[in-house]
Amino acid sequence: MVYGNFVSGAGLGLRRGLLAALQDSAAGSVDEQVDFLEIAPENWIGVGGRFGRQLRALTERMPFLCHGLSLNLGGFAPLDLELLRAIKAFLDEHGIRGYSEHLSACADDGQLYDLMPLPFTFDAACRVAARIRQVEEVLERPLIIENVSAYARLPGELGEVDFVRAVLEEADCQLLLDINNVQVNAHNFGFDPRAYIEAMPSERIAYLHVAGHLDQAADLKIDTHGAPVCDPVWRLLAHSYAAHGVRPTLLERDFNFPPLAELYAEVGQIRTLQREVGE
């Protein structure tokens, strides 16, 4: 199932550090180079002035998705209903076509500013699924969940694949499949990334993310979003298309921004893979 008026093609994560470059047509008009944009609503709620006007100009002419940072789906603290209501108003105001969040914990007594791993247990899957349903009731729209990168494993009777699948089934929701996160975790925890991709339920994959990461050590990759997409991630993206069919796919870049033309070239690489698999 695809939710209503969703997106298609190849997208780019919009950061404030890119706004000035997007106003410069030297690299081409953004709506000619990119099919959709994605933002974190927490970084834009209540923003006015020049940045607010620039965002409004873009949301009025292009399809947008939102990718949240702070819902704390895997935590034990009560959901922040004030934040949820603010997010709903933002999604409504800008006509956002889909909203996703991380399958992780990010708060306890306060915001942790990181995505903490969850125990891979069936009890945890049921608890998270209940919180997802609560979020959907407040937002009055579906929530898409993302598999996350991790650097530690908590005790649990399930593997990562089975845990993600259990949450999807219990919550009856869709998946944002982050290809880079699969590559990072496969390296850090020693599993086959292609088998992970193949095990995801095709009918629940809404869209995909790709990004760059840091090779911190021989046995450790860090999901930074601060570098170009590497060849193994491109190959894994192509494998995902082959296994599940072409899905909308977004390039994430959070810092170390290159010239905009280089980001557009990576978005073009997504389009090339989509076209090759679709032929």
C-alpha atoms as a PDB file:
ATOM      1  CA  MET A   1       0.000   0.000   0.000  1.00  0.00           C
ATOM      2  CA  VAL A   2       1.271   3.486  -0.876  1.00  0.00           C
ATOM      3  CA  TYR A   3      -0.137   6.279   1.236  1.00  0.00           C
ATOM      4  CA  GLY A   4      -2.189   8.707  -0.821  1.00  0.00           C
ATOM      5  CA  ASN A   5      -0.303  11.383  -2.724  1.00  0.00           C
ATOM      6  CA  PHE A   6       3.212  10.121  -2.021  1.00  0.00           C
ATOM      7  CA  VAL A   7       6.449  10.848  -3.914  1.00  0.00           C
ATOM      8  CA  SER A   8       8.419   9.178  -6.682  1.00  0.00           C
ATOM      9  CA  GLY A   9      11.894   9.281  -8.159  1.00  0.00           C
ATOM     10  CA  ALA A  10      15.040  10.600  -6.466  1.00  0.00           C
ATOM     11  CA  GLY A  11      15.139  13.131  -3.642  1.00  0.00           C
ATOM     12  CA  LEU A  12      17.537  15.179  -1.533  1.00  0.00           C
ATOM     13  CA  GLY A  13      17.579  15.951   2.170  1.00  0.00           C
ATOM     14  CA  LEU A  14      17.153  19.692   2.639  1.00  0.00           C
ATOM     15  CA  ARG A  15      19.410  21.321   5.244  1.00  0.00           C
ATOM     16  CA  ARG A  16      19.655  25.035   6.033  1.00  0.00           C
ATOM     17  CA  GLY A  17      23.274  24.899   4.877  1.00  0.00           C
ATOM     18  CA  LEU A  18      22.015  24.156   1.378  1.00  0.00           C
ATOM     19  CA  LEU A  19      19.442  26.944   1.128  1.00  0.00           C
ATOM     20  CA  ALA A  20      21.812  29.576  -0.232  1.00  0.00           C
ATOM     21  CA  ALA A  21      23.092  27.215  -2.911  1.00  0.00           C
ATOM     22  CA  LEU A  22      19.545  26.280  -3.881  1.00  0.00           C
ATOM     23  CA  GLN A  23      18.800  29.946  -4.531  1.00  0.00           C
ATOM     24  CA  ASP A  24      21.699  30.057  -7.019  1.00  0.00           C
ATOM     25  CA  SER A  25      20.683  28.621 -10.386  1.00  0.00           C
ATOM     26  CA  ALA A  26      24.282  27.883 -11.448  1.00  0.00           C
ATOM     27  CA  ALA A  27      23.826  24.171 -10.692  1.00  0.00           C
ATOM     28  CA  GLY A  28      20.320  24.111 -12.157  1.00  0.00           C
ATOM     29  CA  SER A  29      16.880  24.652 -10.690  1.00  0.00           C
ATOM     30  CA  VAL A  30      16.247  22.319  -7.775  1.00  0.00           C
ATOM     31  CA  ASP A  31      12.917  21.122  -9.151  1.00  0.00           C
ATOM     32  CA  GLU A  32      14.660  20.164 -12.405  1.00  0.00           C
ATOM     33  CA  GLN A  33      17.396  18.210 -10.599  1.00  0.00           C
ATOM     34  CA  VAL A  34      15.450  16.642  -7.712  1.00  0.00           C
ATOM     35  CA  ASP A  35      12.020  14.977  -7.588  1.00  0.00           C
ATOM     36  CA  PHE A  36      11.326  15.667  -3.904  1.00  0.00           C
ATOM     37  CA  LEU A  37      12.896  17.096  -0.765  1.00  0.00           C
ATOM     38  CA  GLU A  38      12.906  15.904   2.850  1.00  0.00           C
ATOM     39  CA  ILE A  39      13.325  17.853   6.086  1.00  0.00           C
ATOM     40  CA  ALA A  40      13.375  17.199   9.818  1.00  0.00           C
ATOM     41  CA  PRO A  41      10.307  19.051  11.146  1.00  0.00           C
ATOM     42  CA  GLU A  42      11.960  19.763  14.517  1.00  0.00           C
ATOM     43  CA  ASN A  43      14.501  21.938  12.686  1.00  0.00           C
ATOM     44  CA  TRP A  44      11.814  24.053  11.014  1.00  0.00           C
ATOM     45  CA  ILE A  45       8.818  24.321  13.354  1.00  0.00           C
ATOM     46  CA  GLY A  46       8.388  27.950  14.354  1.00  0.00           C
ATOM     47  CA  VAL A  47      11.084  29.184  11.972  1.00  0.00           C
ATOM     48  CA  GLY A  48      10.117  32.480  10.360  1.00  0.00           C
ATOM     49  CA  GLY A  49      11.956  35.300   8.643  1.00  0.00           C
ATOM     50  CA  ARG A  50      14.143  34.610   5.626  1.00  0.00           C
ATOM     51  CA  PHE A  51      14.509  30.885   6.307  1.00  0.00           C
ATOM     52  CA  GLY A  52      10.769  30.485   6.794  1.00  0.00           C
ATOM     53  CA  ARG A  53      10.025  32.294   3.533  1.00  0.00           C
ATOM     54  CA  GLN A  54      12.567  30.194   1.654  1.00  0.00           C
ATOM     55  CA  LEU A  55      11.066  26.986   3.004  1.00  0.00           C
ATOM     56  CA  ARG A  56       7.526  28.081   2.126  1.00  0.00           C
ATOM     57  CA  ALA A  57       8.611  28.917  -1.423  1.00  0.00           C
ATOM     58  CA  LEU A  58       9.983  25.385  -1.812  1.00  0.00           C
ATOM     59  CA  THR A  59       7.060  23.528  -0.218  1.00  0.00           C
ATOM     60  CA  GLU A  60       4.674  25.407  -2.506  1.00  0.00           C
ATOM     61  CA  ARG A  61       6.418  24.178  -5.652  1.00  0.00           C
ATOM     62  CA  MET A  62       7.876  20.751  -4.761  1.00  0.00           C
ATOM     63  CA  PRO A  63       6.815  17.500  -3.060  1.00  0.00           C
ATOM     64  CA  PHE A  64       8.150  17.206   0.503  1.00  0.00           C
ATOM     65  CA  LEU A  65       8.590  14.437   3.063  1.00  0.00           C
ATOM     66  CA  CYS A  66       9.413  14.859   6.746  1.00  0.00           C
ATOM     67  CA  HIS A  67      11.866  12.670   8.652  1.00  0.00           C
ATOM     68  CA  GLY A  68      11.591  13.137  12.418  1.00  0.00           C
ATOM     69  CA  LEU A  69      14.319  13.140  15.050  1.00  0.00           C
ATOM     70  CA  SER A  70      12.648  13.352  18.461  1.00  0.00           C
ATOM     71  CA  LEU A  71       9.597  11.115  18.866  1.00  0.00           C
ATOM     72  CA  ASN A  72      11.492   8.606  21.017  1.00  0.00           C
ATOM     73  CA  LEU A  73       9.464   5.682  19.695  1.00  0.00           C
ATOM     74  CA  GLY A  74      11.582   3.151  21.565  1.00  0.00           C
ATOM     75  CA  GLY A  75      11.795   5.016  24.866  1.00  0.00           C
ATOM     76  CA  PHE A  76       9.791   4.596  28.047  1.00  0.00           C
ATOM     77  CA  ALA A  77       9.014   8.257  28.730  1.00  0.00           C
ATOM     78  CA  PRO A  78       5.487   9.268  27.682  1.00  0.00           C
ATOM     79  CA  LEU A  79       5.222  10.531  24.131  1.00  0.00           C
ATOM     80  CA  ASP A  80       5.568  14.301  23.858  1.00  0.00           C
ATOM     81  CA  LEU A  81       2.031  15.229  22.842  1.00  0.00           C
ATOM     82  CA  GLU A  82       2.858  18.923  22.570  1.00  0.00           C
ATOM     83  CA  LEU A  83       5.582  18.094  20.048  1.00  0.00           C
ATOM     84  CA  LEU A  84       3.255  15.758  18.182  1.00  0.00           C
ATOM     85  CA  ARG A  85       0.598  18.440  17.866  1.00  0.00           C
ATOM     86  CA  ALA A  86       3.198  20.916  16.606  1.00  0.00           C
ATOM     87  CA  ILE A  87       4.416  18.368  14.058  1.00  0.00           C
ATOM     88  CA  LYS A  88       0.861  17.727  12.879  1.00  0.00           C
ATOM     89  CA  ALA A  89       0.283  21.452  12.351  1.00  0.00           C
ATOM     90  CA  PHE A  90       3.564  21.709  10.427  1.00  0.00           C
ATOM     91  CA  LEU A  91       2.741  18.728   8.200  1.00  0.00           C
ATOM     92  CA  ASP A  92      -0.692  20.156   7.479  1.00  0.00           C
ATOM     93  CA  GLU A  93       0.600  23.677   6.850  1.00  0.00           C
ATOM     94  CA  HIS A  94       3.163  22.587   4.273  1.00  0.00           C
ATOM     95  CA  GLY A  95       1.241  19.757   2.614  1.00  0.00           C
ATOM     96  CA  ILE A  96       3.866  17.167   3.583  1.00  0.00           C
ATOM     97  CA  ARG A  97       3.276  13.898   1.736  1.00  0.00           C
ATOM     98  CA  GLY A  98       4.756  11.450   4.236  1.00  0.00           C
ATOM     99  CA  TYR A  99       6.284  11.360   7.709  1.00  0.00           C
ATOM    100  CA  SER A 100       8.909   8.941   9.009  1.00  0.00           C
ATOM    101  CA  GLU A 101      10.778   8.399  12.271  1.00  0.00           C
ATOM    102  CA  HIS A 102      13.608   6.282  13.637  1.00  0.00           C
ATOM    103  CA  LEU A 103      13.126   2.878  15.224  1.00  0.00           C
ATOM    104  CA  SER A 104      15.138   3.880  18.280  1.00  0.00           C
ATOM    105  CA  ALA A 105      15.100   5.681  21.614  1.00  0.00           C
ATOM    106  CA  CYS A 106      16.319   9.253  21.944  1.00  0.00           C
ATOM    107  CA  ALA A 107      15.086  10.517  25.320  1.00  0.00           C
ATOM    108  CA  ASP A 108      14.730   9.652  28.985  1.00  0.00           C
ATOM    109  CA  ASP A 109      14.433  12.502  31.499  1.00  0.00           C
ATOM    110  CA  GLY A 110      15.608  14.750  28.663  1.00  0.00           C
ATOM    111  CA  GLN A 111      16.598  14.665  25.010  1.00  0.00           C
ATOM    112  CA  LEU A 112      19.642  12.455  24.419  1.00  0.00           C
ATOM    113  CA  TYR A 113      20.501  13.912  20.990  1.00  0.00           C
ATOM    114  CA  ASP A 114      21.400  10.470  19.730  1.00  0.00           C
ATOM    115  CA  LEU A 115      19.594   7.401  18.408  1.00  0.00           C
ATOM    116  CA  MET A 116      19.976   4.671  21.007  1.00  0.00           C
ATOM    117  CA  PRO A 117      19.567   0.973  20.145  1.00  0.00           C
ATOM    118  CA  LEU A 118      16.595  -1.043  21.349  1.00  0.00           C
ATOM    119  CA  PRO A 119      16.526  -4.574  22.771  1.00  0.00           C
ATOM    120  CA  PHE A 120      15.494  -6.941  19.997  1.00  0.00           C
ATOM    121  CA  THR A 121      12.661  -8.617  21.899  1.00  0.00           C
ATOM    122  CA  PHE A 122       9.075  -9.339  20.991  1.00  0.00           C
ATOM    123  CA  ASP A 123       7.910  -7.398  24.066  1.00  0.00           C
ATOM    124  CA  ALA A 124       9.842  -4.338  22.869  1.00  0.00           C
ATOM    125  CA  ALA A 125       8.385  -4.727  19.378  1.00  0.00           C
ATOM    126  CA  CYS A 126       4.838  -4.757  20.793  1.00  0.00           C
ATOM    127  CA  ARG A 127       5.534  -1.764  23.038  1.00  0.00           C
ATOM    128  CA  VAL A 128       6.992   0.274  20.156  1.00  0.00           C
ATOM    129  CA  ALA A 129       4.108  -0.727  17.903  1.00  0.00           C
ATOM    130  CA  ALA A 130       1.630   0.593  20.468  1.00  0.00           C
ATOM    131  CA  ARG A 131       3.493   3.915  20.566  1.00  0.00           C
ATOM    132  CA  ILE A 132       3.456   4.074  16.764  1.00  0.00           C
ATOM    133  CA  ARG A 133      -0.312   3.636  16.773  1.00  0.00           C
ATOM    134  CA  GLN A 134      -0.607   6.400  19.382  1.00  0.00           C
ATOM    135  CA  VAL A 135       1.477   8.724  17.203  1.00  0.00           C
ATOM    136  CA  GLU A 136      -0.719   7.972  14.201  1.00  0.00           C
ATOM    137  CA  GLU A 137      -3.864   8.797  16.178  1.00  0.00           C
ATOM    138  CA  VAL A 138      -2.519  12.235  17.085  1.00  0.00           C
ATOM    139  CA  LEU A 139      -1.089  12.996  13.643  1.00  0.00           C
ATOM    140  CA  GLU A 140      -4.121  11.580  11.821  1.00  0.00           C
ATOM    141  CA  ARG A 141      -1.792  10.067   9.228  1.00  0.00           C
ATOM    142  CA  PRO A 142       0.416   6.974   8.878  1.00  0.00           C
ATOM    143  CA  LEU A 143       3.903   6.825  10.362  1.00  0.00           C
ATOM    144  CA  ILE A 144       6.780   5.246   8.419  1.00  0.00           C
ATOM    145  CA  ILE A 145       9.617   3.802  10.530  1.00  0.00           C
ATOM    146  CA  GLU A 146      13.319   3.645   9.660  1.00  0.00           C
ATOM    147  CA  ASN A 147      15.860   0.955  10.479  1.00  0.00           C
ATOM    148  CA  VAL A 148      18.742   2.643  12.297  1.00  0.00           C
ATOM    149  CA  SER A 149      22.510   2.315  12.516  1.00  0.00           C
ATOM    150  CA  ALA A 150      23.912   1.073  15.822  1.00  0.00           C
ATOM    151  CA  TYR A 151      27.202   0.503  17.593  1.00  0.00           C
ATOM    152  CA  ALA A 152      26.061  -1.815  20.394  1.00  0.00           C
ATOM    153  CA  ARG A 153      23.600  -4.669  20.757  1.00  0.00           C
ATOM    154  CA  LEU A 154      21.257  -5.060  23.731  1.00  0.00           C
ATOM    155  CA  PRO A 155      20.173  -8.520  24.941  1.00  0.00           C
ATOM    156  CA  GLY A 156      17.185  -9.946  23.088  1.00  0.00           C
ATOM    157  CA  GLU A 157      15.843 -13.141  21.574  1.00  0.00           C
ATOM    158  CA  LEU A 158      15.354 -11.684  18.072  1.00  0.00           C
ATOM    159  CA  GLY A 159      17.776 -10.694  15.354  1.00  0.00           C
ATOM    160  CA  GLU A 160      17.574  -7.224  13.838  1.00  0.00           C
ATOM    161  CA  VAL A 161      15.658  -8.406  10.778  1.00  0.00           C
ATOM    162  CA  ASP A 162      13.078 -10.257  12.860  1.00  0.00           C
ATOM    163  CA  PHE A 163      12.707  -7.294  15.219  1.00  0.00           C
ATOM    164  CA  VAL A 164      12.097  -4.804  12.413  1.00  0.00           C
ATOM    165  CA  ARG A 165       9.621  -7.175  10.776  1.00  0.00           C
ATOM    166  CA  ALA A 166       7.815  -7.711  14.092  1.00  0.00           C
ATOM    167  CA  VAL A 167       7.373  -3.962  14.613  1.00  0.00           C
ATOM    168  CA  LEU A 168       6.087  -3.528  11.060  1.00  0.00           C
ATOM    169  CA  GLU A 169       3.546  -6.314  11.520  1.00  0.00           C
ATOM    170  CA  GLU A 170       2.407  -5.345  15.021  1.00  0.00           C
ATOM    171  CA  ALA A 171       2.022  -1.664  14.084  1.00  0.00           C
ATOM    172  CA  ASP A 172       0.768  -2.402  10.554  1.00  0.00           C
ATOM    173  CA  CYS A 173       3.012   0.367   9.238  1.00  0.00           C
ATOM    174  CA  GLN A 174       5.516   0.894   6.445  1.00  0.00           C
ATOM    175  CA  LEU A 175       9.303   0.993   6.333  1.00  0.00           C
ATOM    176  CA  LEU A 176      11.825   3.615   5.355  1.00  0.00           C
ATOM    177  CA  LEU A 177      14.654   1.263   4.407  1.00  0.00           C
ATOM    178  CA  ASP A 178      17.972   3.027   4.981  1.00  0.00           C
ATOM    179  CA  ILE A 179      20.503   1.284   2.763  1.00  0.00           C
ATOM    180  CA  ASN A 180      23.516   2.950   4.361  1.00  0.00           C
ATOM    181  CA  ASN A 181      22.367   1.873   7.829  1.00  0.00           C
ATOM    182  CA  VAL A 182      22.157  -1.714   6.620  1.00  0.00           C
ATOM    183  CA  GLN A 183      25.708  -1.496   5.241  1.00  0.00           C
ATOM    184  CA  VAL A 184      27.023   0.069   8.470  1.00  0.00           C
ATOM    185  CA  ASN A 185      25.365  -2.491  10.748  1.00  0.00           C
ATOM    186  CA  ALA A 186      26.350  -5.405   8.530  1.00  0.00           C
ATOM    187  CA  HIS A 187      29.983  -4.373   8.860  1.00  0.00           C
ATOM    188  CA  ASN A 188      29.818  -3.598  12.586  1.00  0.00           C
ATOM    189  CA  PHE A 189      27.944  -6.768  13.581  1.00  0.00           C
ATOM    190  CA  GLY A 190      29.025  -9.238  10.923  1.00  0.00           C
ATOM    191  CA  PHE A 191      25.952 -10.109   8.884  1.00  0.00           C
ATOM    192  CA  ASP A 192      25.141 -10.240   5.163  1.00  0.00           C
ATOM    193  CA  PRO A 193      23.611  -6.915   4.058  1.00  0.00           C
ATOM    194  CA  ARG A 194      22.091  -8.443   0.924  1.00  0.00           C
ATOM    195  CA  ALA A 195      20.273 -11.078   2.981  1.00  0.00           C
ATOM    196  CA  TYR A 196      18.986  -8.338   5.293  1.00  0.00           C
ATOM    197  CA  ILE A 197      17.600  -6.409   2.321  1.00  0.00           C
ATOM    198  CA  GLU A 198      15.996  -9.529   0.863  1.00  0.00           C
ATOM    199  CA  ALA A 199      14.314 -10.332   4.198  1.00  0.00           C
ATOM    200  CA  MET A 200      12.444  -7.034   4.360  1.00  0.00           C
ATOM    201  CA  PRO A 201       8.754  -7.293   3.329  1.00  0.00           C
ATOM    202  CA  SER A 202       8.427  -5.704  -0.113  1.00  0.00           C
ATOM    203  CA  GLU A 203       4.851  -4.640   0.440  1.00  0.00           C
ATOM    204  CA  ARG A 204       5.841  -2.477   3.422  1.00  0.00           C
ATOM    205  CA  ILE A 205       8.804  -0.594   1.905  1.00  0.00           C
ATOM    206  CA  ALA A 206       7.653   2.984   1.305  1.00  0.00           C
ATOM    207  CA  TYR A 207      10.954   4.584   0.333  1.00  0.00           C
ATOM    208  CA  LEU A 208      14.727   4.377   0.763  1.00  0.00           C
ATOM    209  CA  HIS A 209      17.622   6.448   2.099  1.00  0.00           C
ATOM    210  CA  VAL A 210      21.248   6.446   0.967  1.00  0.00           C
ATOM    211  CA  ALA A 211      24.108   8.371   2.558  1.00  0.00           C
ATOM    212  CA  GLY A 212      27.819   8.368   3.217  1.00  0.00           C
ATOM    213  CA  HIS A 213      29.549   7.018   6.301  1.00  0.00           C
ATOM    214  CA  LEU A 214      32.934   7.111   8.036  1.00  0.00           C
ATOM    215  CA  ASP A 215      35.331   4.165   8.258  1.00  0.00           C
ATOM    216  CA  GLN A 216      36.400   4.867  11.842  1.00  0.00           C
ATOM    217  CA  ALA A 217      38.394   1.639  12.202  1.00  0.00           C
ATOM    218  CA  ALA A 218      38.796  -1.700  10.469  1.00  0.00           C
ATOM    219  CA  ASP A 219      35.876  -3.102  12.447  1.00  0.00           C
ATOM    220  CA  LEU A 220      33.789   0.072  12.874  1.00  0.00           C
ATOM    221  CA  LYS A 221      31.768   2.192  10.473  1.00  0.00           C
ATOM    222  CA  ILE A 222      29.990   5.340  11.711  1.00  0.00           C
ATOM    223  CA  ASP A 223      26.827   6.633  10.045  1.00  0.00           C
ATOM    224  CA  THR A 224      27.817  10.289   9.600  1.00  0.00           C
ATOM    225  CA  HIS A 225      25.947  11.558   6.497  1.00  0.00           C
ATOM    226  CA  GLY A 226      29.071  13.651   5.925  1.00  0.00           C
ATOM    227  CA  ALA A 227      30.613  12.008   2.872  1.00  0.00           C
ATOM    228  CA  PRO A 228      29.672  10.844  -0.626  1.00  0.00           C
ATOM    229  CA  VAL A 229      27.834   7.551  -0.995  1.00  0.00           C
ATOM    230  CA  CYS A 230      30.402   4.765  -1.376  1.00  0.00           C
ATOM    231  CA  ASP A 231      30.387   2.000  -3.970  1.00  0.00           C
ATOM    232  CA  PRO A 232      29.183  -0.792  -1.619  1.00  0.00           C
ATOM    233  CA  VAL A 233      26.119   1.288  -0.707  1.00  0.00           C
ATOM    234  CA  TRP A 234      25.402   1.990  -4.391  1.00  0.00           C
ATOM    235  CA  ARG A 235      25.620  -1.742  -5.083  1.00  0.00           C
ATOM    236  CA  LEU A 236      23.339  -2.501  -2.154  1.00  0.00           C
ATOM    237  CA  LEU A 237      20.827   0.059  -3.430  1.00  0.00           C
ATOM    238  CA  ALA A 238      20.822  -1.642  -6.832  1.00  0.00           C
ATOM    239  CA  HIS A 239      20.302  -4.966  -5.062  1.00  0.00           C
ATOM    240  CA  SER A 240      17.340  -3.522  -3.151  1.00  0.00           C
ATOM    241  CA  TYR A 241      15.732  -2.386  -6.409  1.00  0.00           C
ATOM    242  CA  ALA A 242      16.303  -5.830  -7.898  1.00  0.00           C
ATOM    243  CA  ALA A 243      14.836  -7.559  -4.842  1.00  0.00           C
ATOM    244  CA  HIS A 244      11.847  -5.287  -4.177  1.00  0.00           C
ATOM    245  CA  GLY A 245      11.381  -3.078  -7.217  1.00  0.00           C
ATOM    246  CA  VAL A 246      12.217   0.600  -7.584  1.00  0.00           C
ATOM    247  CA  ARG A 247      11.177   2.778  -4.659  1.00  0.00           C
ATOM    248  CA  PRO A 248      11.493   6.546  -4.111  1.00  0.00           C
ATOM    249  CA  THR A 249      15.033   7.101  -2.845  1.00  0.00           C
ATOM    250  CA  LEU A 250      16.548  10.056  -1.010  1.00  0.00           C
ATOM    251  CA  LEU A 251      20.152  11.201  -0.641  1.00  0.00           C
ATOM    252  CA  GLU A 252      21.061  12.414   2.862  1.00  0.00           C
ATOM    253  CA  ARG A 253      23.946  14.827   3.461  1.00  0.00           C
ATOM    254  CA  ASP A 254      24.131  16.635   6.805  1.00  0.00           C
ATOM    255  CA  PHE A 255      27.489  18.460   6.704  1.00  0.00           C
ATOM    256  CA  ASN A 256      30.734  18.783   4.695  1.00  0.00           C
ATOM    257  CA  PHE A 257      28.546  20.005   1.870  1.00  0.00           C
ATOM    258  CA  PRO A 258      30.216  19.821  -1.537  1.00  0.00           C
ATOM    259  CA  PRO A 259      29.191  22.075  -4.425  1.00  0.00           C
ATOM    260  CA  LEU A 260      25.515  21.536  -5.127  1.00  0.00           C
ATOM    261  CA  ALA A 261      26.342  20.103  -8.546  1.00  0.00           C
ATOM    262  CA  GLU A 262      28.055  17.165  -6.807  1.00  0.00           C
ATOM    263  CA  LEU A 263      24.963  16.417  -4.731  1.00  0.00           C
ATOM    264  CA  TYR A 264      22.828  16.639  -7.860  1.00  0.00           C
ATOM    265  CA  ALA A 265      25.210  14.148  -9.509  1.00  0.00           C
ATOM    266  CA  GLU A 266      24.588  11.677  -6.678  1.00  0.00           C
ATOM    267  CA  VAL A 267      20.838  12.184  -7.057  1.00  0.00           C
ATOM    268  CA  GLY A 268      21.411  11.516 -10.763  1.00  0.00           C
ATOM    269  CA  GLN A 269      23.138   8.252  -9.860  1.00  0.00           C
ATOM    270  CA  ILE A 270      19.992   7.209  -7.979  1.00  0.00           C
ATOM    271  CA  ARG A 271      17.940   7.984 -11.087  1.00  0.00           C
ATOM    272  CA  THR A 272      20.335   5.983 -13.262  1.00  0.00           C
ATOM    273  CA  LEU A 273      19.980   2.900 -11.046  1.00  0.00           C
ATOM    274  CA  GLN A 274      16.217   3.304 -10.958  1.00  0.00           C
ATOM    275  CA  ARG A 275      16.093   3.515 -14.746  1.00  0.00           C
ATOM    276  CA  GLU A 276      18.428   0.531 -15.252  1.00  0.00           C
ATOM    277  CA  VAL A 277      16.359  -1.722 -12.987  1.00  0.00           C
ATOM    278  CA  GLY A 278      13.109  -0.493 -14.525  1.00  0.00           C
ATOM    279  CA  GLU A 279      14.219  -1.285 -18.088  1.00  0.00           C
END
